């Protein structure tokens, strides 16, 4: 039952959005949902540590079952609620293979976005260098270019064929983050077409981060990628 689910998230956090989107796709309502603040240190509070001893978000609990890594949560939700909502793992093995590949690669994209966006936050001032910034930006550029080729070569409207799958659940929030922080739509027409085609999907609209309707500080951070 959805009332047995507890989900703690941070606003504007792509991994948290992945989980929220998965729950929406499975049509799970009335779960216990709490928005917490990294800035206020909420992620280190005892109620989070009781579920996730790493003090990170998302923190997820279903009954007595605890899962805290976003991709693992999405897999768990699809398995535990297989007969609810939309099927997120295709039956066709060819599509399934592509789905698992893009599903995992979405987390690589997420990490490389974070390396650029949060470099100053994660790096002490005395250790920051322009070389590191340029290297991280070049690494992210190569990753985004790879995703552009995926978009150009995919055989259906979604990342793994003709249905919305866990690959889309995990990749779309990362792609939305790229545009939220200034990625050029002109440079990446394939990614742009995918984003525009699905940003109006009901489950995406419903789970869209509340912190994102207005442009945050730093929205041009990825304009040169």
N, C-alpha and C. Protein backbone atom coordinates (compact mmCIF):
# COMPACT_ATOMS: atom_id res chain seq x y z
N UNK A 1 0.84 -1.20 0.00
CA UNK A 1 0.00 0.00 0.00
C UNK A 1 0.87 1.25 0.00
N UNK A 2 0.41 2.28 -0.70
CA UNK A 2 1.19 3.51 -0.78
C UNK A 2 1.30 4.21 0.57
N UNK A 3 0.31 4.00 1.44
CA UNK A 3 0.37 4.63 2.75
C UNK A 3 1.50 4.06 3.60
N UNK A 4 2.07 2.93 3.18
CA UNK A 4 3.21 2.33 3.88
C UNK A 4 4.54 2.88 3.38
N UNK A 5 4.49 3.81 2.40
CA UNK A 5 5.70 4.37 1.81
C UNK A 5 6.04 5.70 2.47
N UNK A 6 7.30 5.85 2.83
CA UNK A 6 7.83 7.13 3.30
C UNK A 6 8.93 7.57 2.34
N UNK A 7 8.81 8.79 1.84
CA UNK A 7 9.82 9.34 0.93
C UNK A 7 10.22 10.73 1.42
N UNK A 8 11.51 10.90 1.65
CA UNK A 8 12.05 12.20 2.03
C UNK A 8 12.94 12.69 0.91
N UNK A 9 12.72 13.93 0.48
CA UNK A 9 13.40 14.47 -0.70
C UNK A 9 13.89 15.88 -0.45
N UNK A 10 14.75 16.34 -1.36
CA UNK A 10 15.19 17.73 -1.38
C UNK A 10 14.65 18.39 -2.64
N UNK A 11 14.24 19.66 -2.58
CA UNK A 11 13.69 20.33 -3.75
C UNK A 11 14.72 20.51 -4.85
N UNK A 12 14.31 20.24 -6.09
CA UNK A 12 15.20 20.44 -7.22
C UNK A 12 16.27 19.39 -7.38
N UNK A 13 16.18 18.30 -6.64
CA UNK A 13 17.18 17.24 -6.66
C UNK A 13 16.77 16.19 -7.70
N UNK A 14 17.63 15.96 -8.71
CA UNK A 14 17.29 15.03 -9.78
C UNK A 14 17.03 13.61 -9.28
N UNK A 15 17.87 13.04 -8.39
CA UNK A 15 17.57 11.70 -7.90
C UNK A 15 16.22 11.61 -7.18
N UNK A 16 15.88 12.66 -6.45
CA UNK A 16 14.58 12.68 -5.78
C UNK A 16 13.44 12.74 -6.81
N UNK A 17 13.65 13.51 -7.87
CA UNK A 17 12.64 13.58 -8.92
C UNK A 17 12.46 12.23 -9.59
N UNK A 18 13.55 11.51 -9.81
CA UNK A 18 13.45 10.17 -10.40
C UNK A 18 12.48 9.30 -9.60
N UNK A 19 12.65 9.31 -8.30
CA UNK A 19 11.81 8.47 -7.43
C UNK A 19 10.37 8.95 -7.46
N UNK A 20 10.17 10.26 -7.36
CA UNK A 20 8.82 10.80 -7.42
C UNK A 20 8.13 10.48 -8.73
N UNK A 21 8.89 10.53 -9.83
CA UNK A 21 8.34 10.22 -11.14
C UNK A 21 7.97 8.74 -11.23
N UNK A 22 8.82 7.86 -10.69
CA UNK A 22 8.51 6.43 -10.68
C UNK A 22 7.22 6.16 -9.92
N UNK A 23 7.04 6.81 -8.78
CA UNK A 23 5.83 6.61 -7.99
C UNK A 23 4.60 7.11 -8.74
N UNK A 24 4.74 8.23 -9.45
CA UNK A 24 3.62 8.73 -10.25
C UNK A 24 3.28 7.77 -11.38
N UNK A 25 4.30 7.23 -12.04
CA UNK A 25 4.06 6.28 -13.13
C UNK A 25 3.34 5.02 -12.64
N UNK A 26 3.61 4.64 -11.40
CA UNK A 26 2.94 3.47 -10.84
C UNK A 26 1.61 3.82 -10.19
N UNK A 27 1.23 5.10 -10.34
CA UNK A 27 -0.07 5.59 -9.83
C UNK A 27 -0.22 5.36 -8.34
N UNK A 28 0.85 5.59 -7.61
CA UNK A 28 0.83 5.44 -6.16
C UNK A 28 0.56 6.79 -5.51
N UNK A 29 -0.48 6.83 -4.71
CA UNK A 29 -0.92 8.09 -4.10
C UNK A 29 -0.87 7.95 -2.58
N UNK A 30 -0.97 9.09 -1.92
CA UNK A 30 -1.15 9.14 -0.46
C UNK A 30 0.02 8.54 0.31
N UNK A 31 1.22 8.53 -0.27
CA UNK A 31 2.37 8.09 0.50
C UNK A 31 2.86 9.25 1.35
N UNK A 32 3.67 8.95 2.32
CA UNK A 32 4.17 9.96 3.25
C UNK A 32 5.36 10.67 2.62
N UNK A 33 5.16 11.92 2.25
CA UNK A 33 6.16 12.67 1.49
C UNK A 33 6.59 13.90 2.27
N UNK A 34 7.90 14.05 2.43
CA UNK A 34 8.45 15.19 3.17
C UNK A 34 9.54 15.85 2.35
N UNK A 35 9.46 17.16 2.19
CA UNK A 35 10.50 17.93 1.50
C UNK A 35 11.43 18.52 2.55
N UNK A 36 12.71 18.25 2.40
CA UNK A 36 13.71 18.70 3.36
C UNK A 36 14.72 19.61 2.67
N UNK A 37 15.50 20.30 3.46
CA UNK A 37 16.46 21.28 2.94
C UNK A 37 17.89 20.87 3.25
N UNK A 38 18.71 20.74 2.19
CA UNK A 38 20.14 20.52 2.40
C UNK A 38 20.75 21.74 3.09
N UNK A 39 20.31 22.94 2.67
CA UNK A 39 20.89 24.17 3.19
C UNK A 39 20.70 24.28 4.71
N UNK A 40 19.58 23.78 5.19
CA UNK A 40 19.29 23.83 6.64
C UNK A 40 19.85 22.62 7.38
N UNK A 41 20.44 21.70 6.65
CA UNK A 41 21.01 20.52 7.30
C UNK A 41 20.00 19.45 7.65
N UNK A 42 18.81 19.52 7.04
CA UNK A 42 17.76 18.55 7.37
C UNK A 42 18.17 17.11 7.07
N UNK A 43 19.05 16.95 6.05
CA UNK A 43 19.45 15.59 5.65
C UNK A 43 20.28 14.89 6.72
N UNK A 44 20.76 15.64 7.71
CA UNK A 44 21.52 15.04 8.80
C UNK A 44 20.67 14.88 10.06
N UNK A 45 19.38 15.15 9.94
CA UNK A 45 18.48 15.00 11.09
C UNK A 45 18.29 13.53 11.42
N UNK A 46 17.86 13.25 12.62
CA UNK A 46 17.73 11.86 13.07
C UNK A 46 16.69 11.10 12.27
N UNK A 47 15.61 11.77 11.85
CA UNK A 47 14.57 11.06 11.11
C UNK A 47 15.07 10.59 9.75
N UNK A 48 16.03 11.33 9.17
CA UNK A 48 16.64 10.87 7.92
C UNK A 48 17.66 9.77 8.21
N UNK A 49 18.49 9.98 9.21
CA UNK A 49 19.53 9.01 9.55
C UNK A 49 18.94 7.66 9.95
N UNK A 50 17.74 7.68 10.51
CA UNK A 50 17.08 6.42 10.87
C UNK A 50 16.77 5.58 9.64
N UNK A 51 16.58 6.24 8.50
CA UNK A 51 16.30 5.52 7.25
C UNK A 51 17.58 5.41 6.41
N UNK A 52 18.30 6.50 6.31
CA UNK A 52 19.52 6.52 5.50
C UNK A 52 20.69 6.99 6.35
N UNK A 53 21.50 6.06 6.86
CA UNK A 53 22.61 6.45 7.74
C UNK A 53 23.68 7.28 7.05
N UNK A 54 23.64 7.36 5.71
CA UNK A 54 24.57 8.23 4.99
C UNK A 54 24.16 9.70 5.10
N UNK A 55 22.94 9.95 5.56
CA UNK A 55 22.47 11.32 5.66
C UNK A 55 22.32 11.97 4.31
N UNK A 56 21.79 11.22 3.34
CA UNK A 56 21.59 11.72 1.98
C UNK A 56 20.14 11.51 1.57
N UNK A 57 19.75 12.23 0.52
CA UNK A 57 18.39 12.14 0.00
C UNK A 57 18.43 11.73 -1.46
N UNK A 58 17.43 10.94 -1.93
CA UNK A 58 16.21 10.56 -1.24
C UNK A 58 16.43 9.49 -0.16
N UNK A 59 15.51 9.48 0.80
CA UNK A 59 15.44 8.42 1.80
C UNK A 59 14.08 7.76 1.62
N UNK A 60 14.07 6.45 1.46
CA UNK A 60 12.85 5.73 1.07
C UNK A 60 12.63 4.51 1.96
N UNK A 61 11.39 4.35 2.40
CA UNK A 61 11.02 3.19 3.21
C UNK A 61 9.65 2.71 2.79
N UNK A 62 9.50 1.41 2.60
CA UNK A 62 8.20 0.80 2.26
C UNK A 62 7.97 -0.30 3.28
N UNK A 63 7.05 -0.06 4.20
CA UNK A 63 6.88 -0.99 5.30
C UNK A 63 8.16 -1.03 6.12
N UNK A 64 8.76 -2.21 6.22
CA UNK A 64 10.04 -2.34 6.92
C UNK A 64 11.22 -2.35 5.96
N UNK A 65 10.95 -2.20 4.67
CA UNK A 65 11.99 -2.28 3.65
C UNK A 65 12.57 -0.91 3.36
N UNK A 66 13.87 -0.80 3.44
CA UNK A 66 14.56 0.47 3.23
C UNK A 66 15.45 0.38 1.99
N UNK A 67 15.29 1.36 1.08
CA UNK A 67 16.14 1.48 -0.10
C UNK A 67 16.46 2.97 -0.25
N UNK A 68 17.73 3.31 -0.46
CA UNK A 68 18.08 4.73 -0.44
C UNK A 68 18.77 5.27 -1.69
N UNK A 69 19.25 4.44 -2.58
CA UNK A 69 19.85 4.93 -3.81
C UNK A 69 18.75 5.06 -4.86
N UNK A 70 18.72 6.19 -5.57
CA UNK A 70 17.59 6.51 -6.45
C UNK A 70 17.30 5.41 -7.47
N UNK A 71 18.33 4.92 -8.16
CA UNK A 71 18.10 3.90 -9.17
C UNK A 71 17.58 2.62 -8.55
N UNK A 72 18.12 2.27 -7.39
CA UNK A 72 17.65 1.07 -6.69
C UNK A 72 16.20 1.24 -6.24
N UNK A 73 15.84 2.44 -5.79
CA UNK A 73 14.46 2.70 -5.39
C UNK A 73 13.52 2.51 -6.58
N UNK A 74 13.92 3.05 -7.73
CA UNK A 74 13.07 2.93 -8.92
C UNK A 74 12.86 1.46 -9.31
N UNK A 75 13.91 0.67 -9.25
CA UNK A 75 13.80 -0.76 -9.54
C UNK A 75 12.89 -1.45 -8.53
N UNK A 76 13.05 -1.07 -7.27
CA UNK A 76 12.23 -1.66 -6.22
C UNK A 76 10.76 -1.32 -6.42
N UNK A 77 10.48 -0.06 -6.72
CA UNK A 77 9.09 0.38 -6.92
C UNK A 77 8.44 -0.39 -8.07
N UNK A 78 9.17 -0.55 -9.17
CA UNK A 78 8.62 -1.30 -10.30
C UNK A 78 8.35 -2.75 -9.92
N UNK A 79 9.24 -3.34 -9.14
CA UNK A 79 9.07 -4.74 -8.74
C UNK A 79 7.98 -4.91 -7.70
N UNK A 80 7.96 -4.05 -6.69
CA UNK A 80 7.00 -4.18 -5.60
C UNK A 80 5.58 -3.84 -6.03
N UNK A 81 5.46 -2.98 -7.05
CA UNK A 81 4.14 -2.53 -7.50
C UNK A 81 3.97 -2.82 -8.99
N UNK A 82 4.40 -4.01 -9.38
CA UNK A 82 4.43 -4.39 -10.79
C UNK A 82 3.07 -4.28 -11.46
N UNK A 83 2.02 -4.56 -10.73
CA UNK A 83 0.67 -4.56 -11.31
C UNK A 83 -0.05 -3.22 -11.19
N UNK A 84 0.66 -2.22 -10.73
CA UNK A 84 0.06 -0.88 -10.58
C UNK A 84 0.54 0.02 -11.72
N UNK A 85 -0.30 0.94 -12.15
CA UNK A 85 0.09 1.97 -13.09
C UNK A 85 0.71 1.44 -14.36
N UNK A 86 1.74 2.14 -14.82
CA UNK A 86 2.40 1.81 -16.09
C UNK A 86 3.55 0.83 -15.89
N UNK A 87 3.67 -0.11 -16.82
CA UNK A 87 4.79 -1.04 -16.81
C UNK A 87 6.05 -0.30 -17.23
N UNK A 88 7.09 -0.35 -16.41
CA UNK A 88 8.29 0.45 -16.65
C UNK A 88 9.49 -0.37 -17.11
N UNK A 89 9.36 -1.68 -17.15
CA UNK A 89 10.37 -2.56 -17.72
C UNK A 89 9.72 -3.32 -18.86
N UNK A 90 10.16 -3.10 -20.10
CA UNK A 90 9.49 -3.74 -21.25
C UNK A 90 9.69 -5.25 -21.26
N UNK A 91 8.76 -5.95 -21.88
CA UNK A 91 8.87 -7.41 -22.01
C UNK A 91 9.87 -7.81 -23.08
N UNK A 92 9.95 -7.00 -24.13
CA UNK A 92 10.85 -7.29 -25.24
C UNK A 92 12.30 -7.18 -24.77
N UNK A 93 13.09 -8.25 -24.98
CA UNK A 93 14.44 -8.26 -24.44
C UNK A 93 15.36 -7.24 -25.12
N UNK A 94 15.13 -6.94 -26.38
CA UNK A 94 15.94 -5.93 -27.05
C UNK A 94 15.71 -4.55 -26.42
N UNK A 95 14.43 -4.21 -26.22
CA UNK A 95 14.11 -2.95 -25.56
C UNK A 95 14.58 -2.95 -24.11
N UNK A 96 14.47 -4.11 -23.47
CA UNK A 96 14.90 -4.22 -22.07
C UNK A 96 16.40 -3.98 -21.94
N UNK A 97 17.17 -4.52 -22.89
CA UNK A 97 18.62 -4.31 -22.86
C UNK A 97 18.96 -2.83 -22.99
N UNK A 98 18.30 -2.15 -23.93
CA UNK A 98 18.52 -0.71 -24.09
C UNK A 98 18.08 0.05 -22.86
N UNK A 99 16.96 -0.37 -22.29
CA UNK A 99 16.45 0.30 -21.10
C UNK A 99 17.44 0.26 -19.96
N UNK A 100 17.96 -0.94 -19.67
CA UNK A 100 18.92 -1.06 -18.56
C UNK A 100 20.19 -0.25 -18.84
N UNK A 101 20.63 -0.22 -20.08
CA UNK A 101 21.82 0.54 -20.43
C UNK A 101 21.61 2.04 -20.20
N UNK A 102 20.54 2.58 -20.73
CA UNK A 102 20.27 4.02 -20.57
C UNK A 102 19.93 4.36 -19.11
N UNK A 103 19.26 3.45 -18.44
CA UNK A 103 18.93 3.61 -17.02
C UNK A 103 20.19 3.85 -16.20
N UNK A 104 21.21 3.03 -16.43
CA UNK A 104 22.47 3.18 -15.70
C UNK A 104 23.23 4.41 -16.17
N UNK A 105 23.22 4.64 -17.47
CA UNK A 105 23.97 5.77 -18.01
C UNK A 105 23.38 7.11 -17.56
N UNK A 106 22.09 7.13 -17.26
CA UNK A 106 21.48 8.36 -16.78
C UNK A 106 22.15 8.82 -15.49
N UNK A 107 22.56 7.88 -14.66
CA UNK A 107 23.22 8.27 -13.43
C UNK A 107 24.62 8.82 -13.70
N UNK A 108 25.27 8.31 -14.74
CA UNK A 108 26.56 8.88 -15.15
C UNK A 108 26.37 10.33 -15.60
N UNK A 109 25.34 10.58 -16.39
CA UNK A 109 25.03 11.94 -16.82
C UNK A 109 24.77 12.82 -15.61
N UNK A 110 23.98 12.33 -14.68
CA UNK A 110 23.67 13.11 -13.47
C UNK A 110 24.94 13.48 -12.71
N UNK A 111 25.83 12.53 -12.54
CA UNK A 111 27.06 12.80 -11.80
C UNK A 111 27.91 13.85 -12.49
N UNK A 112 27.99 13.79 -13.80
CA UNK A 112 28.84 14.74 -14.53
C UNK A 112 28.23 16.14 -14.54
N UNK A 113 26.89 16.21 -14.55
CA UNK A 113 26.24 17.51 -14.39
C UNK A 113 26.58 18.09 -13.01
N UNK A 114 26.46 17.26 -12.00
CA UNK A 114 26.75 17.71 -10.65
C UNK A 114 28.20 18.13 -10.46
N UNK A 115 29.12 17.45 -11.13
CA UNK A 115 30.53 17.82 -11.02
C UNK A 115 30.77 19.26 -11.48
N UNK A 116 30.04 19.68 -12.51
CA UNK A 116 30.18 21.04 -13.02
C UNK A 116 29.42 22.04 -12.13
N UNK A 117 28.16 21.74 -11.85
CA UNK A 117 27.32 22.68 -11.12
C UNK A 117 27.79 22.93 -9.70
N UNK A 118 28.33 21.89 -9.07
CA UNK A 118 28.63 21.99 -7.64
C UNK A 118 30.14 21.99 -7.35
N UNK A 119 30.92 22.32 -8.36
CA UNK A 119 32.37 22.32 -8.17
C UNK A 119 32.79 23.25 -7.04
N UNK A 120 32.30 24.48 -7.06
CA UNK A 120 32.68 25.44 -6.02
C UNK A 120 32.20 24.99 -4.65
N UNK A 121 31.01 24.39 -4.60
CA UNK A 121 30.45 23.95 -3.32
C UNK A 121 31.26 22.81 -2.72
N UNK A 122 31.75 21.94 -3.59
CA UNK A 122 32.45 20.74 -3.12
C UNK A 122 33.95 20.92 -2.95
N UNK A 123 34.49 22.02 -3.48
CA UNK A 123 35.94 22.19 -3.50
C UNK A 123 36.34 23.39 -2.66
N UNK A 124 37.24 23.21 -1.69
CA UNK A 124 37.71 24.35 -0.90
C UNK A 124 38.32 25.42 -1.81
N UNK A 125 38.14 26.69 -1.47
CA UNK A 125 38.63 27.78 -2.33
C UNK A 125 40.10 27.65 -2.71
N UNK A 126 40.93 27.22 -1.78
CA UNK A 126 42.36 27.14 -2.06
C UNK A 126 42.72 26.00 -3.03
N UNK A 127 41.76 25.08 -3.27
CA UNK A 127 42.01 23.95 -4.16
C UNK A 127 41.38 24.13 -5.55
N UNK A 128 40.63 25.19 -5.75
CA UNK A 128 39.96 25.40 -7.03
C UNK A 128 40.95 25.88 -8.09
N UNK A 129 40.80 25.30 -9.30
CA UNK A 129 41.66 25.72 -10.41
C UNK A 129 40.82 25.84 -11.67
N UNK A 130 41.24 26.72 -12.56
CA UNK A 130 40.56 26.88 -13.83
C UNK A 130 40.70 25.62 -14.68
N UNK A 131 41.84 24.96 -14.55
CA UNK A 131 42.07 23.72 -15.29
C UNK A 131 41.03 22.68 -14.92
N UNK A 132 40.74 22.55 -13.63
CA UNK A 132 39.74 21.57 -13.19
C UNK A 132 38.36 21.91 -13.73
N UNK A 133 38.01 23.18 -13.71
CA UNK A 133 36.72 23.61 -14.23
C UNK A 133 36.61 23.27 -15.72
N UNK A 134 37.66 23.58 -16.47
CA UNK A 134 37.65 23.29 -17.91
C UNK A 134 37.58 21.80 -18.18
N UNK A 135 38.28 21.01 -17.38
CA UNK A 135 38.28 19.56 -17.56
C UNK A 135 36.91 18.97 -17.27
N UNK A 136 36.27 19.42 -16.21
CA UNK A 136 34.94 18.93 -15.88
C UNK A 136 33.92 19.33 -16.94
N UNK A 137 34.05 20.55 -17.45
CA UNK A 137 33.15 21.00 -18.51
C UNK A 137 33.35 20.19 -19.79
N UNK A 138 34.60 19.89 -20.12
CA UNK A 138 34.88 19.08 -21.31
C UNK A 138 34.33 17.67 -21.15
N UNK A 139 34.43 17.12 -19.95
CA UNK A 139 33.91 15.78 -19.69
C UNK A 139 32.39 15.75 -19.82
N UNK A 140 31.73 16.77 -19.29
CA UNK A 140 30.28 16.85 -19.42
C UNK A 140 29.87 17.07 -20.87
N UNK A 141 30.62 17.89 -21.60
CA UNK A 141 30.30 18.12 -23.02
C UNK A 141 30.35 16.81 -23.80
N UNK A 142 31.37 16.01 -23.57
CA UNK A 142 31.47 14.71 -24.25
C UNK A 142 30.30 13.81 -23.90
N UNK A 143 29.89 13.86 -22.66
CA UNK A 143 28.75 13.03 -22.22
C UNK A 143 27.45 13.48 -22.89
N UNK A 144 27.24 14.78 -22.94
CA UNK A 144 26.02 15.30 -23.58
C UNK A 144 26.03 14.99 -25.07
N UNK A 145 27.18 15.09 -25.70
CA UNK A 145 27.27 14.75 -27.12
C UNK A 145 26.93 13.28 -27.35
N UNK A 146 27.33 12.42 -26.42
CA UNK A 146 26.99 11.00 -26.52
C UNK A 146 25.48 10.81 -26.44
N UNK A 147 24.85 11.52 -25.53
CA UNK A 147 23.38 11.43 -25.41
C UNK A 147 22.68 11.98 -26.65
N UNK A 148 23.28 12.96 -27.28
CA UNK A 148 22.71 13.47 -28.54
C UNK A 148 22.71 12.37 -29.60
N UNK A 149 23.76 11.57 -29.66
CA UNK A 149 23.78 10.47 -30.62
C UNK A 149 22.73 9.43 -30.27
N UNK A 150 22.53 9.20 -28.98
CA UNK A 150 21.48 8.25 -28.57
C UNK A 150 20.11 8.73 -29.05
N UNK A 151 19.86 10.02 -28.90
CA UNK A 151 18.57 10.57 -29.31
C UNK A 151 18.38 10.47 -30.83
N UNK A 152 19.45 10.68 -31.55
CA UNK A 152 19.36 10.62 -33.01
C UNK A 152 19.12 9.19 -33.51
N UNK A 153 19.59 8.20 -32.75
CA UNK A 153 19.54 6.81 -33.20
C UNK A 153 18.40 6.00 -32.60
N UNK A 154 17.72 6.50 -31.60
CA UNK A 154 16.67 5.71 -30.95
C UNK A 154 15.55 5.40 -31.94
N UNK A 155 14.89 4.27 -31.74
CA UNK A 155 13.93 3.76 -32.71
C UNK A 155 12.48 4.11 -32.40
N UNK A 156 12.24 4.78 -31.29
CA UNK A 156 10.88 5.16 -30.92
C UNK A 156 10.88 6.50 -30.22
N UNK A 157 9.74 6.92 -29.72
CA UNK A 157 9.67 8.23 -29.07
C UNK A 157 10.37 8.29 -27.71
N UNK A 158 10.61 7.11 -27.15
CA UNK A 158 11.23 7.04 -25.82
C UNK A 158 12.64 6.48 -25.93
N UNK A 159 13.34 6.38 -24.83
CA UNK A 159 14.73 5.96 -24.86
C UNK A 159 14.91 4.48 -25.18
N UNK A 160 13.89 3.69 -24.89
CA UNK A 160 14.01 2.24 -25.11
C UNK A 160 12.78 1.73 -25.85
N UNK A 161 12.52 2.29 -27.01
CA UNK A 161 11.42 1.79 -27.83
C UNK A 161 10.17 2.63 -27.75
N UNK A 162 9.03 1.94 -27.75
CA UNK A 162 7.75 2.63 -27.91
C UNK A 162 7.00 2.93 -26.63
N UNK A 163 7.59 2.63 -25.46
CA UNK A 163 6.91 2.92 -24.20
C UNK A 163 7.84 3.64 -23.24
N UNK A 164 7.25 4.37 -22.33
CA UNK A 164 7.98 5.09 -21.29
C UNK A 164 8.46 4.07 -20.27
N UNK A 165 9.78 4.02 -20.04
CA UNK A 165 10.35 3.00 -19.17
C UNK A 165 11.20 3.64 -18.06
N UNK A 166 11.83 2.78 -17.27
CA UNK A 166 12.72 3.28 -16.22
C UNK A 166 13.88 4.09 -16.78
N UNK A 167 14.24 3.84 -18.03
CA UNK A 167 15.28 4.66 -18.66
C UNK A 167 14.84 6.12 -18.73
N UNK A 168 13.59 6.34 -19.12
CA UNK A 168 13.04 7.70 -19.19
C UNK A 168 12.84 8.28 -17.80
N UNK A 169 12.40 7.45 -16.88
CA UNK A 169 12.20 7.90 -15.50
C UNK A 169 13.48 8.51 -14.94
N UNK A 170 14.62 7.89 -15.24
CA UNK A 170 15.88 8.36 -14.67
C UNK A 170 16.62 9.36 -15.55
N UNK A 171 16.41 9.29 -16.86
CA UNK A 171 17.12 10.22 -17.74
C UNK A 171 16.42 11.57 -17.86
N UNK A 172 15.08 11.57 -17.90
CA UNK A 172 14.40 12.84 -18.14
C UNK A 172 14.76 13.90 -17.08
N UNK A 173 14.77 13.59 -15.78
CA UNK A 173 15.14 14.64 -14.82
C UNK A 173 16.54 15.21 -15.06
N UNK A 174 17.47 14.37 -15.53
CA UNK A 174 18.82 14.86 -15.81
C UNK A 174 18.82 15.77 -17.03
N UNK A 175 18.06 15.39 -18.05
CA UNK A 175 17.97 16.21 -19.25
C UNK A 175 17.28 17.53 -18.95
N UNK A 176 16.23 17.48 -18.13
CA UNK A 176 15.57 18.71 -17.72
C UNK A 176 16.53 19.62 -16.96
N UNK A 177 17.39 19.02 -16.15
CA UNK A 177 18.38 19.82 -15.41
C UNK A 177 19.35 20.52 -16.36
N UNK A 178 19.73 19.84 -17.43
CA UNK A 178 20.60 20.47 -18.42
C UNK A 178 19.99 21.77 -18.94
N UNK A 179 18.72 21.70 -19.30
CA UNK A 179 18.06 22.90 -19.85
C UNK A 179 17.76 23.92 -18.75
N UNK A 180 17.49 23.44 -17.55
CA UNK A 180 17.25 24.35 -16.44
C UNK A 180 18.47 25.23 -16.19
N UNK A 181 19.65 24.69 -16.47
CA UNK A 181 20.88 25.43 -16.22
C UNK A 181 21.55 25.90 -17.50
N UNK A 182 20.76 26.07 -18.57
CA UNK A 182 21.22 26.85 -19.70
C UNK A 182 21.77 26.10 -20.89
N UNK A 183 21.59 24.78 -20.99
CA UNK A 183 22.09 24.06 -22.16
C UNK A 183 21.46 24.62 -23.44
N UNK A 184 22.25 24.76 -24.48
CA UNK A 184 21.77 25.31 -25.75
C UNK A 184 20.89 24.31 -26.47
N UNK A 185 19.66 24.71 -26.77
CA UNK A 185 18.76 23.86 -27.54
C UNK A 185 19.21 23.76 -28.99
N UNK A 186 19.87 24.77 -29.48
CA UNK A 186 20.32 24.76 -30.87
C UNK A 186 21.45 23.75 -31.09
N UNK A 187 22.32 23.59 -30.11
CA UNK A 187 23.45 22.67 -30.24
C UNK A 187 23.01 21.21 -30.21
N UNK A 188 21.93 20.94 -29.51
CA UNK A 188 21.53 19.55 -29.26
C UNK A 188 20.07 19.33 -29.65
N UNK A 189 19.79 19.29 -30.96
CA UNK A 189 18.40 19.18 -31.41
C UNK A 189 17.73 17.88 -31.01
N UNK A 190 18.48 16.78 -30.95
CA UNK A 190 17.88 15.51 -30.58
C UNK A 190 17.44 15.49 -29.13
N UNK A 191 18.30 15.97 -28.26
CA UNK A 191 17.96 16.06 -26.84
C UNK A 191 16.80 17.04 -26.64
N UNK A 192 16.85 18.14 -27.37
CA UNK A 192 15.79 19.14 -27.27
C UNK A 192 14.45 18.58 -27.70
N UNK A 193 14.42 17.85 -28.80
CA UNK A 193 13.17 17.26 -29.27
C UNK A 193 12.60 16.28 -28.24
N UNK A 194 13.47 15.47 -27.65
CA UNK A 194 13.03 14.52 -26.62
C UNK A 194 12.45 15.27 -25.43
N UNK A 195 13.14 16.29 -24.98
CA UNK A 195 12.69 17.08 -23.83
C UNK A 195 11.33 17.73 -24.11
N UNK A 196 11.20 18.36 -25.26
CA UNK A 196 9.95 19.04 -25.58
C UNK A 196 8.79 18.06 -25.77
N UNK A 197 9.10 16.87 -26.29
CA UNK A 197 8.05 15.88 -26.54
C UNK A 197 7.45 15.34 -25.25
N UNK A 198 8.22 15.33 -24.17
CA UNK A 198 7.76 14.63 -22.97
C UNK A 198 7.61 15.52 -21.73
N UNK A 199 8.00 16.79 -21.82
CA UNK A 199 7.89 17.62 -20.63
C UNK A 199 6.44 17.87 -20.21
N UNK A 200 5.50 17.64 -21.14
CA UNK A 200 4.09 17.81 -20.80
C UNK A 200 3.42 16.53 -20.35
N UNK A 201 4.16 15.42 -20.28
CA UNK A 201 3.58 14.17 -19.81
C UNK A 201 3.01 14.37 -18.40
N UNK A 202 1.83 13.84 -18.15
CA UNK A 202 1.12 14.12 -16.90
C UNK A 202 1.95 13.78 -15.67
N UNK A 203 2.62 12.63 -15.69
CA UNK A 203 3.40 12.23 -14.53
C UNK A 203 4.62 13.13 -14.32
N UNK A 204 5.17 13.63 -15.41
CA UNK A 204 6.32 14.54 -15.32
C UNK A 204 5.87 15.89 -14.77
N UNK A 205 4.75 16.38 -15.27
CA UNK A 205 4.21 17.65 -14.77
C UNK A 205 3.88 17.53 -13.29
N UNK A 206 3.27 16.42 -12.91
CA UNK A 206 2.85 16.23 -11.50
C UNK A 206 4.05 16.16 -10.56
N UNK A 207 5.13 15.56 -11.03
CA UNK A 207 6.29 15.37 -10.15
C UNK A 207 7.36 16.45 -10.32
N UNK A 208 7.12 17.40 -11.23
CA UNK A 208 8.11 18.45 -11.52
C UNK A 208 8.55 19.16 -10.24
N UNK A 209 9.86 19.34 -10.02
CA UNK A 209 10.34 19.96 -8.77
C UNK A 209 9.74 21.33 -8.53
N UNK A 210 9.22 21.52 -7.35
CA UNK A 210 8.60 22.80 -7.00
C UNK A 210 9.62 23.94 -6.99
N UNK A 211 10.88 23.60 -6.85
CA UNK A 211 11.93 24.63 -6.80
C UNK A 211 12.29 25.16 -8.18
N UNK A 212 11.73 24.57 -9.25
CA UNK A 212 12.17 24.91 -10.59
C UNK A 212 11.27 25.84 -11.41
N UNK A 213 10.05 26.16 -11.02
CA UNK A 213 9.24 27.01 -11.90
C UNK A 213 9.90 28.35 -12.22
N UNK A 214 10.60 28.92 -11.25
CA UNK A 214 11.31 30.17 -11.49
C UNK A 214 12.79 29.86 -11.65
N UNK A 215 13.42 30.59 -12.56
CA UNK A 215 14.83 30.33 -12.85
C UNK A 215 15.69 30.59 -11.62
N UNK A 216 16.43 29.59 -11.15
CA UNK A 216 17.31 29.80 -9.99
C UNK A 216 18.58 30.52 -10.39
N UNK A 217 19.32 30.96 -9.40
CA UNK A 217 20.62 31.56 -9.65
C UNK A 217 21.52 30.52 -10.32
N UNK A 218 22.19 30.93 -11.36
CA UNK A 218 23.11 30.03 -12.03
C UNK A 218 22.50 29.29 -13.19
N UNK A 219 21.38 29.79 -13.73
CA UNK A 219 20.72 29.08 -14.82
C UNK A 219 21.53 29.09 -16.11
N UNK A 220 22.57 29.90 -16.19
CA UNK A 220 23.41 29.92 -17.38
C UNK A 220 24.69 29.09 -17.19
N UNK A 221 24.75 28.33 -16.13
CA UNK A 221 25.98 27.62 -15.80
C UNK A 221 26.41 26.61 -16.87
N UNK A 222 25.45 26.10 -17.65
CA UNK A 222 25.78 25.08 -18.65
C UNK A 222 25.64 25.60 -20.08
N UNK A 223 25.60 26.90 -20.25
CA UNK A 223 25.35 27.44 -21.58
C UNK A 223 26.47 27.16 -22.57
N UNK A 224 27.68 26.90 -22.06
CA UNK A 224 28.81 26.65 -22.96
C UNK A 224 29.13 25.17 -23.15
N UNK A 225 28.29 24.33 -22.60
CA UNK A 225 28.49 22.88 -22.76
C UNK A 225 28.22 22.48 -24.20
